[in-house]
C-alpha atoms as a PDB file:
ATOM      1  CA  UNK A   1      -4.922 -34.139  10.788  1.00  0.00           C
ATOM      2  CA  UNK A   2      -6.772 -33.049  13.934  1.00  0.00           C
ATOM      3  CA  UNK A   3      -7.296 -29.275  14.040  1.00  0.00           C
ATOM      4  CA  UNK A   4      -8.058 -27.338  17.239  1.00  0.00           C
ATOM      5  CA  UNK A   5     -11.624 -25.991  17.182  1.00  0.00           C
ATOM      6  CA  UNK A   6     -10.962 -22.707  19.041  1.00  0.00           C
ATOM      7  CA  UNK A   7      -8.754 -21.058  16.361  1.00  0.00           C
ATOM      8  CA  UNK A   8     -11.006 -22.224  13.560  1.00  0.00           C
ATOM      9  CA  UNK A   9     -14.114 -20.754  15.272  1.00  0.00           C
ATOM     10  CA  UNK A  10     -12.222 -17.480  15.844  1.00  0.00           C
ATOM     11  CA  UNK A  11     -11.123 -17.335  12.251  1.00  0.00           C
ATOM     12  CA  UNK A  12     -14.744 -17.925  11.061  1.00  0.00           C
ATOM     13  CA  UNK A  13     -16.020 -15.230  13.385  1.00  0.00           C
ATOM     14  CA  UNK A  14     -13.442 -12.743  12.103  1.00  0.00           C
ATOM     15  CA  UNK A  15     -14.250 -13.603   8.475  1.00  0.00           C
ATOM     16  CA  UNK A  16     -17.986 -13.115   9.071  1.00  0.00           C
ATOM     17  CA  UNK A  17     -17.328  -9.809  10.761  1.00  0.00           C
ATOM     18  CA  UNK A  18     -15.102  -8.653   7.954  1.00  0.00           C
ATOM     19  CA  UNK A  19     -17.777  -9.289   5.287  1.00  0.00           C
ATOM     20  CA  UNK A  20     -19.825  -6.440   6.814  1.00  0.00           C
ATOM     21  CA  UNK A  21     -16.742  -4.279   7.211  1.00  0.00           C
ATOM     22  CA  UNK A  22     -15.043  -4.480   3.774  1.00  0.00           C
ATOM     23  CA  UNK A  23     -16.995  -1.409   2.632  1.00  0.00           C
ATOM     24  CA  UNK A  24     -15.153   0.573   5.267  1.00  0.00           C
ATOM     25  CA  UNK A  25     -11.885   0.124   3.399  1.00  0.00           C
ATOM     26  CA  UNK A  26     -13.018   3.011   1.181  1.00  0.00           C
ATOM     27  CA  UNK A  27     -12.529   5.259   4.174  1.00  0.00           C
ATOM     28  CA  UNK A  28      -8.864   5.275   3.221  1.00  0.00           C
ATOM     29  CA  UNK A  29      -9.965   7.695   0.489  1.00  0.00           C
ATOM     30  CA  UNK A  30     -10.590  11.443   0.874  1.00  0.00           C
ATOM     31  CA  UNK A  31     -14.371  11.333   1.086  1.00  0.00           C
ATOM     32  CA  UNK A  32     -17.223  12.821   3.073  1.00  0.00           C
ATOM     33  CA  UNK A  33     -16.573  12.555   6.779  1.00  0.00           C
ATOM     34  CA  UNK A  34     -15.656  14.288  10.004  1.00  0.00           C
ATOM     35  CA  UNK A  35     -12.096  15.770  10.131  1.00  0.00           C
ATOM     36  CA  UNK A  36      -9.900  18.176  12.033  1.00  0.00           C
ATOM     37  CA  UNK A  37      -8.959  20.960   9.611  1.00  0.00           C
ATOM     38  CA  UNK A  38      -5.583  22.732   9.992  1.00  0.00           C
ATOM     39  CA  UNK A  39      -4.894  25.718   7.728  1.00  0.00           C
ATOM     40  CA  UNK A  40      -1.529  27.489   7.707  1.00  0.00           C
ATOM     41  CA  UNK A  41      -1.075  29.695  10.702  1.00  0.00           C
ATOM     42  CA  UNK A  42      -4.268  28.487  12.476  1.00  0.00           C
ATOM     43  CA  UNK A  43      -5.073  25.859  15.116  1.00  0.00           C
ATOM     44  CA  UNK A  44      -6.900  22.800  13.906  1.00  0.00           C
ATOM     45  CA  UNK A  45     -10.729  22.785  14.319  1.00  0.00           C
ATOM     46  CA  UNK A  46     -13.388  20.124  13.978  1.00  0.00           C
ATOM     47  CA  UNK A  47     -15.312  20.182  10.698  1.00  0.00           C
ATOM     48  CA  UNK A  48     -17.515  17.958   8.466  1.00  0.00           C
ATOM     49  CA  UNK A  49     -16.412  17.884   4.848  1.00  0.00           C
ATOM     50  CA  UNK A  50     -18.954  17.102   2.166  1.00  0.00           C
ATOM     51  CA  UNK A  51     -16.805  15.975  -0.820  1.00  0.00           C
ATOM     52  CA  UNK A  52     -18.133  15.373  -4.311  1.00  0.00           C
ATOM     53  CA  UNK A  53     -15.394  15.135  -6.983  1.00  0.00           C
ATOM     54  CA  UNK A  54     -13.235  18.280  -6.815  1.00  0.00           C
ATOM     55  CA  UNK A  55     -15.885  20.211  -4.792  1.00  0.00           C
ATOM     56  CA  UNK A  56     -15.694  20.439  -0.963  1.00  0.00           C
ATOM     57  CA  UNK A  57     -18.192  22.005   1.335  1.00  0.00           C
ATOM     58  CA  UNK A  58     -16.961  22.519   4.893  1.00  0.00           C
ATOM     59  CA  UNK A  59     -19.320  22.732   7.843  1.00  0.00           C
ATOM     60  CA  UNK A  60     -18.040  23.806  11.285  1.00  0.00           C
ATOM     61  CA  UNK A  61     -18.738  21.260  14.009  1.00  0.00           C
ATOM     62  CA  UNK A  62     -19.907  22.366  17.533  1.00  0.00           C
ATOM     63  CA  UNK A  63     -19.977  19.967  20.488  1.00  0.00           C
ATOM     64  CA  UNK A  64     -22.792  19.784  23.016  1.00  0.00           C
ATOM     65  CA  UNK A  65     -21.436  17.274  25.493  1.00  0.00           C
ATOM     66  CA  UNK A  66     -20.553  14.265  23.362  1.00  0.00           C
ATOM     67  CA  UNK A  67     -22.980  15.200  20.602  1.00  0.00           C
ATOM     68  CA  UNK A  68     -21.709  16.714  17.343  1.00  0.00           C
ATOM     69  CA  UNK A  69     -23.814  19.540  15.866  1.00  0.00           C
ATOM     70  CA  UNK A  70     -23.124  20.769  12.285  1.00  0.00           C
ATOM     71  CA  UNK A  71     -23.279  24.506  11.725  1.00  0.00           C
ATOM     72  CA  UNK A  72     -25.192  24.534   8.440  1.00  0.00           C
ATOM     73  CA  UNK A  73     -25.564  28.318   8.555  1.00  0.00           C
ATOM     74  CA  UNK A  74     -21.896  28.976   7.859  1.00  0.00           C
ATOM     75  CA  UNK A  75     -20.647  26.516   5.216  1.00  0.00           C
ATOM     76  CA  UNK A  76     -17.527  27.211   3.175  1.00  0.00           C
ATOM     77  CA  UNK A  77     -17.447  25.855  -0.425  1.00  0.00           C
ATOM     78  CA  UNK A  78     -14.283  25.426  -2.435  1.00  0.00           C
ATOM     79  CA  UNK A  79     -13.037  23.690  -5.546  1.00  0.00           C
ATOM     80  CA  UNK A  80      -9.693  21.983  -5.660  1.00  0.00           C
ATOM     81  CA  UNK A  81      -9.070  23.292  -9.179  1.00  0.00           C
ATOM     82  CA  UNK A  82      -9.396  26.873  -7.956  1.00  0.00           C
ATOM     83  CA  UNK A  83      -7.062  26.733  -4.910  1.00  0.00           C
ATOM     84  CA  UNK A  84      -3.906  28.552  -5.657  1.00  0.00           C
ATOM     85  CA  UNK A  85      -0.639  29.444  -3.811  1.00  0.00           C
ATOM     86  CA  UNK A  86      -1.463  32.041  -1.163  1.00  0.00           C
ATOM     87  CA  UNK A  87      -5.137  31.038  -0.816  1.00  0.00           C
ATOM     88  CA  UNK A  88      -6.423  30.296   2.710  1.00  0.00           C
ATOM     89  CA  UNK A  89      -6.822  26.575   2.029  1.00  0.00           C
ATOM     90  CA  UNK A  90      -3.540  26.059   0.171  1.00  0.00           C
ATOM     91  CA  UNK A  91      -1.440  23.564   2.078  1.00  0.00           C
ATOM     92  CA  UNK A  92      -4.283  22.939   4.549  1.00  0.00           C
ATOM     93  CA  UNK A  93      -4.545  19.447   6.091  1.00  0.00           C
ATOM     94  CA  UNK A  94      -7.627  17.412   6.778  1.00  0.00           C
ATOM     95  CA  UNK A  95      -6.970  14.884   9.600  1.00  0.00           C
ATOM     96  CA  UNK A  96      -9.284  11.946  10.184  1.00  0.00           C
ATOM     97  CA  UNK A  97      -9.231   9.389  13.041  1.00  0.00           C
ATOM     98  CA  UNK A  98     -10.976   6.060  12.587  1.00  0.00           C
ATOM     99  CA  UNK A  99     -11.044   2.378  13.464  1.00  0.00           C
ATOM    100  CA  UNK A 100      -9.637   0.419  10.562  1.00  0.00           C
ATOM    101  CA  UNK A 101     -10.735  -3.081   9.530  1.00  0.00           C
ATOM    102  CA  UNK A 102      -8.811  -4.509   6.623  1.00  0.00           C
ATOM    103  CA  UNK A 103      -7.872  -7.644   4.780  1.00  0.00           C
ATOM    104  CA  UNK A 104      -4.084  -8.162   4.663  1.00  0.00           C
ATOM    105  CA  UNK A 105      -1.439 -10.682   3.899  1.00  0.00           C
ATOM    106  CA  UNK A 106       2.050 -11.230   5.319  1.00  0.00           C
ATOM    107  CA  UNK A 107       4.388 -11.260   2.344  1.00  0.00           C
ATOM    108  CA  UNK A 108       7.201 -13.027   4.240  1.00  0.00           C
ATOM    109  CA  UNK A 109       8.114 -13.983   7.731  1.00  0.00           C
ATOM    110  CA  UNK A 110      11.599 -13.951   9.227  1.00  0.00           C
ATOM    111  CA  UNK A 111      12.000 -16.605  11.903  1.00  0.00           C
ATOM    112  CA  UNK A 112      15.198 -16.070  14.024  1.00  0.00           C
ATOM    113  CA  UNK A 113      17.740 -18.819  14.618  1.00  0.00           C
ATOM    114  CA  UNK A 114      16.350 -21.421  17.011  1.00  0.00           C
ATOM    115  CA  UNK A 115      17.685 -24.647  18.474  1.00  0.00           C
ATOM    116  CA  UNK A 116      20.594 -24.759  15.989  1.00  0.00           C
ATOM    117  CA  UNK A 117      18.410 -24.099  12.930  1.00  0.00           C
ATOM    118  CA  UNK A 118      19.520 -20.919  11.123  1.00  0.00           C
ATOM    119  CA  UNK A 119      17.175 -17.995  10.699  1.00  0.00           C
ATOM    120  CA  UNK A 120      14.580 -18.686   7.983  1.00  0.00           C
ATOM    121  CA  UNK A 121      12.743 -16.495   5.537  1.00  0.00           C
ATOM    122  CA  UNK A 122       9.313 -18.019   4.759  1.00  0.00           C
ATOM    123  CA  UNK A 123       7.122 -17.107   1.772  1.00  0.00           C
ATOM    124  CA  UNK A 124       3.792 -18.943   2.255  1.00  0.00           C
ATOM    125  CA  UNK A 125       0.124 -18.464   1.434  1.00  0.00           C
ATOM    126  CA  UNK A 126      -1.718 -16.633   4.179  1.00  0.00           C
ATOM    127  CA  UNK A 127      -4.488 -14.201   4.917  1.00  0.00           C
ATOM    128  CA  UNK A 128      -5.315 -12.192   8.000  1.00  0.00           C
ATOM    129  CA  UNK A 129      -7.930  -9.755   9.182  1.00  0.00           C
ATOM    130  CA  UNK A 130      -6.424  -6.638  10.677  1.00  0.00           C
ATOM    131  CA  UNK A 131      -8.127  -4.076  12.952  1.00  0.00           C
ATOM    132  CA  UNK A 132      -6.449  -1.028  14.449  1.00  0.00           C
ATOM    133  CA  UNK A 133      -6.626   2.652  15.260  1.00  0.00           C
ATOM    134  CA  UNK A 134      -5.930   4.799  12.181  1.00  0.00           C
ATOM    135  CA  UNK A 135      -5.049   8.421  11.437  1.00  0.00           C
ATOM    136  CA  UNK A 136      -5.155   9.809   7.888  1.00  0.00           C
ATOM    137  CA  UNK A 137      -3.683  13.080   6.678  1.00  0.00           C
ATOM    138  CA  UNK A 138      -4.952  14.688   3.490  1.00  0.00           C
ATOM    139  CA  UNK A 139      -2.974  17.734   2.476  1.00  0.00           C
ATOM    140  CA  UNK A 140      -3.941  20.155  -0.274  1.00  0.00           C
ATOM    141  CA  UNK A 141      -0.763  21.143  -2.175  1.00  0.00           C
ATOM    142  CA  UNK A 142      -0.331  23.416  -5.242  1.00  0.00           C
ATOM    143  CA  UNK A 143       0.498  21.802  -8.530  1.00  0.00           C
ATOM    144  CA  UNK A 144       1.562  23.257 -11.867  1.00  0.00           C
ATOM    145  CA  UNK A 145       0.799  21.342 -14.987  1.00  0.00           C
ATOM    146  CA  UNK A 146       3.286  21.140 -17.934  1.00  0.00           C
ATOM    147  CA  UNK A 147       1.241  24.034 -19.486  1.00  0.00           C
ATOM    148  CA  UNK A 148       2.051  26.125 -16.411  1.00  0.00           C
ATOM    149  CA  UNK A 149      -1.564  26.030 -15.194  1.00  0.00           C
ATOM    150  CA  UNK A 150      -1.748  26.070 -11.434  1.00  0.00           C
ATOM    151  CA  UNK A 151      -4.228  23.857  -9.595  1.00  0.00           C
ATOM    152  CA  UNK A 152      -4.189  21.670  -6.451  1.00  0.00           C
ATOM    153  CA  UNK A 153      -3.800  18.054  -5.631  1.00  0.00           C
ATOM    154  CA  UNK A 154      -4.546  16.097  -2.460  1.00  0.00           C
ATOM    155  CA  UNK A 155      -1.600  14.117  -1.060  1.00  0.00           C
ATOM    156  CA  UNK A 156      -2.447  11.322   1.367  1.00  0.00           C
ATOM    157  CA  UNK A 157      -0.501   9.616   4.075  1.00  0.00           C
ATOM    158  CA  UNK A 158      -1.930   7.394   6.842  1.00  0.00           C
ATOM    159  CA  UNK A 159      -0.686   5.630   9.964  1.00  0.00           C
ATOM    160  CA  UNK A 160      -2.291   2.895  12.020  1.00  0.00           C
ATOM    161  CA  UNK A 161      -1.450   0.196  14.546  1.00  0.00           C
ATOM    162  CA  UNK A 162      -3.427  -2.735  15.815  1.00  0.00           C
ATOM    163  CA  UNK A 163      -3.816  -6.497  15.932  1.00  0.00           C
ATOM    164  CA  UNK A 164      -4.348  -9.265  13.283  1.00  0.00           C
ATOM    165  CA  UNK A 165      -5.420 -12.882  13.128  1.00  0.00           C
ATOM    166  CA  UNK A 166      -5.871 -15.405  10.322  1.00  0.00           C
ATOM    167  CA  UNK A 167      -4.671 -18.659   8.760  1.00  0.00           C
ATOM    168  CA  UNK A 168      -1.711 -19.590   6.687  1.00  0.00           C
ATOM    169  CA  UNK A 169       0.620 -22.341   5.766  1.00  0.00           C
ATOM    170  CA  UNK A 170       4.201 -23.220   6.768  1.00  0.00           C
ATOM    171  CA  UNK A 171       6.802 -25.901   5.866  1.00  0.00           C
ATOM    172  CA  UNK A 172       6.947 -28.735   8.349  1.00  0.00           C
ATOM    173  CA  UNK A 173       9.853 -31.113   7.854  1.00  0.00           C
ATOM    174  CA  UNK A 174      12.636 -32.953   9.812  1.00  0.00           C
ATOM    175  CA  UNK A 175      14.727 -29.782  10.045  1.00  0.00           C
ATOM    176  CA  UNK A 176      12.158 -27.711  11.858  1.00  0.00           C
ATOM    177  CA  UNK A 177      11.128 -30.562  14.093  1.00  0.00           C
ATOM    178  CA  UNK A 178      14.646 -31.629  15.027  1.00  0.00           C
ATOM    179  CA  UNK A 179      14.183 -34.932  13.161  1.00  0.00           C
ATOM    180  CA  UNK A 180      11.172 -35.897  15.242  1.00  0.00           C
ATOM    181  CA  UNK A 181       9.157 -36.593  12.038  1.00  0.00           C
ATOM    182  CA  UNK A 182      10.108 -38.024   8.617  1.00  0.00           C
ATOM    183  CA  UNK A 183       7.480 -36.289   6.435  1.00  0.00           C
ATOM    184  CA  UNK A 184       7.717 -32.954   4.616  1.00  0.00           C
ATOM    185  CA  UNK A 185       4.452 -31.125   4.171  1.00  0.00           C
ATOM    186  CA  UNK A 186       2.822 -27.693   4.332  1.00  0.00           C
ATOM    187  CA  UNK A 187       1.096 -27.335   7.717  1.00  0.00           C
ATOM    188  CA  UNK A 188      -1.809 -25.175   8.504  1.00  0.00           C
ATOM    189  CA  UNK A 189      -1.187 -22.510  11.116  1.00  0.00           C
ATOM    190  CA  UNK A 190      -3.316 -20.027  13.109  1.00  0.00           C
ATOM    191  CA  UNK A 191      -1.395 -16.733  13.059  1.00  0.00           C
ATOM    192  CA  UNK A 192      -1.880 -13.686  15.248  1.00  0.00           C
ATOM    193  CA  UNK A 193       0.040 -10.652  16.418  1.00  0.00           C
ATOM    194  CA  UNK A 194       0.507  -6.893  16.311  1.00  0.00           C
ATOM    195  CA  UNK A 195       1.270  -4.678  13.339  1.00  0.00           C
ATOM    196  CA  UNK A 196       1.874  -1.071  12.377  1.00  0.00           C
ATOM    197  CA  UNK A 197       1.062   0.277   8.861  1.00  0.00           C
ATOM    198  CA  UNK A 198       1.909   3.291   6.759  1.00  0.00           C
ATOM    199  CA  UNK A 199      -0.298   4.148   3.824  1.00  0.00           C
ATOM    200  CA  UNK A 200       0.465   6.200   0.736  1.00  0.00           C
ATOM    201  CA  UNK A 201      -2.598   6.736  -1.454  1.00  0.00           C
ATOM    202  CA  UNK A 202      -4.152   3.283  -1.660  1.00  0.00           C
ATOM    203  CA  UNK A 203      -1.005   1.286  -0.917  1.00  0.00           C
ATOM    204  CA  UNK A 204      -0.474   0.050   2.620  1.00  0.00           C
ATOM    205  CA  UNK A 205       2.649  -1.646   3.970  1.00  0.00           C
ATOM    206  CA  UNK A 206       3.260  -2.761   7.508  1.00  0.00           C
ATOM    207  CA  UNK A 207       5.661  -4.340   9.939  1.00  0.00           C
ATOM    208  CA  UNK A 208       4.258  -7.265  11.922  1.00  0.00           C
ATOM    209  CA  UNK A 209       5.415  -9.150  15.037  1.00  0.00           C
ATOM    210  CA  UNK A 210       3.489 -12.399  15.124  1.00  0.00           C
ATOM    211  CA  UNK A 211       3.133 -15.878  16.557  1.00  0.00           C
ATOM    212  CA  UNK A 212       2.002 -19.085  14.769  1.00  0.00           C
ATOM    213  CA  UNK A 213       0.194 -22.117  16.143  1.00  0.00           C
ATOM    214  CA  UNK A 214       0.585 -25.250  14.135  1.00  0.00           C
ATOM    215  CA  UNK A 215      -2.855 -26.849  13.903  1.00  0.00           C
ATOM    216  CA  UNK A 216      -1.989 -30.561  13.796  1.00  0.00           C
ATOM    217  CA  UNK A 217      -0.474 -33.223  15.980  1.00  0.00           C
ATOM    218  CA  UNK A 218       3.117 -32.140  15.258  1.00  0.00           C
ATOM    219  CA  UNK A 219       2.732 -28.804  16.985  1.00  0.00           C
ATOM    220  CA  UNK A 220       4.576 -30.121  20.076  1.00  0.00           C
ATOM    221  CA  UNK A 221       7.754 -30.808  18.072  1.00  0.00           C
ATOM    222  CA  UNK A 222       7.586 -27.851  15.594  1.00  0.00           C
ATOM    223  CA  UNK A 223      10.285 -25.500  16.940  1.00  0.00           C
ATOM    224  CA  UNK A 224       8.490 -22.334  15.889  1.00  0.00           C
ATOM    225  CA  UNK A 225       5.188 -23.051  17.586  1.00  0.00           C
ATOM    226  CA  UNK A 226       4.176 -19.919  19.524  1.00  0.00           C
ATOM    227  CA  UNK A 227       7.583 -18.348  18.841  1.00  0.00           C
ATOM    228  CA  UNK A 228       7.827 -14.726  17.624  1.00  0.00           C
ATOM    229  CA  UNK A 229       8.671 -13.791  14.056  1.00  0.00           C
ATOM    230  CA  UNK A 230       8.930 -10.521  12.067  1.00  0.00           C
ATOM    231  CA  UNK A 231       7.012 -10.033   8.903  1.00  0.00           C
ATOM    232  CA  UNK A 232       6.201  -7.454   6.192  1.00  0.00           C
ATOM    233  CA  UNK A 233       2.441  -7.044   5.550  1.00  0.00           C
ATOM    234  CA  UNK A 234       0.444  -5.365   2.782  1.00  0.00           C
ATOM    235  CA  UNK A 235      -3.260  -4.507   2.608  1.00  0.00           C
ATOM    236  CA  UNK A 236      -4.862  -6.620  -0.114  1.00  0.00           C
ATOM    237  CA  UNK A 237      -8.397  -5.284  -0.164  1.00  0.00           C
ATOM    238  CA  UNK A 238      -7.624  -2.426  -2.487  1.00  0.00           C
ATOM    239  CA  UNK A 239      -5.975  -4.543  -5.164  1.00  0.00           C
END
């Protein structure tokens, strides 16, 4: 089987880049970083939050041109266990923008009807590297325990959209080549496309629109080569 060198080199480059970026996946968590803070009844403002366990220290951020300057003279410290209904930070939202680099997989692909072959749902081994623009929302909400003790919890939701690329496998057989070949085998594909994710806590699920390139001599007769499909993706780096 002769495989095109360009997709393979691109895949290797993405994998090498991702090795240095996997640590950034922890940015999905509520941890120390720059945010925009929105409290009830107030406009959002830039801050830096220093987070350690349940303790949060908030530093206002001032801008001098494109430079961020922390106001260390007026920090505000709070503890999540002490935030109650009616407090200034109750139901406040910390918003973070970032560039996301993640390891993902496409759970299944739906390929529409083509050249008389009915629409197909494919479940095949694959892995992709995804990068996109991300926005996370961390909201402090009140919570009452079964013992009627009030405290606070942080609820997280995130959204991002971007591009992906990787390798996978696909069935290659007489049906999907219009009887141009006699063999049945799992072919190697280079996959790429665009995707949008929604994240709850550490679980990310996304909708993908992608294209596959079969990486062997039968790519010219494979009816799905470079044809669009829809897929459901999940982030796998947090599992």
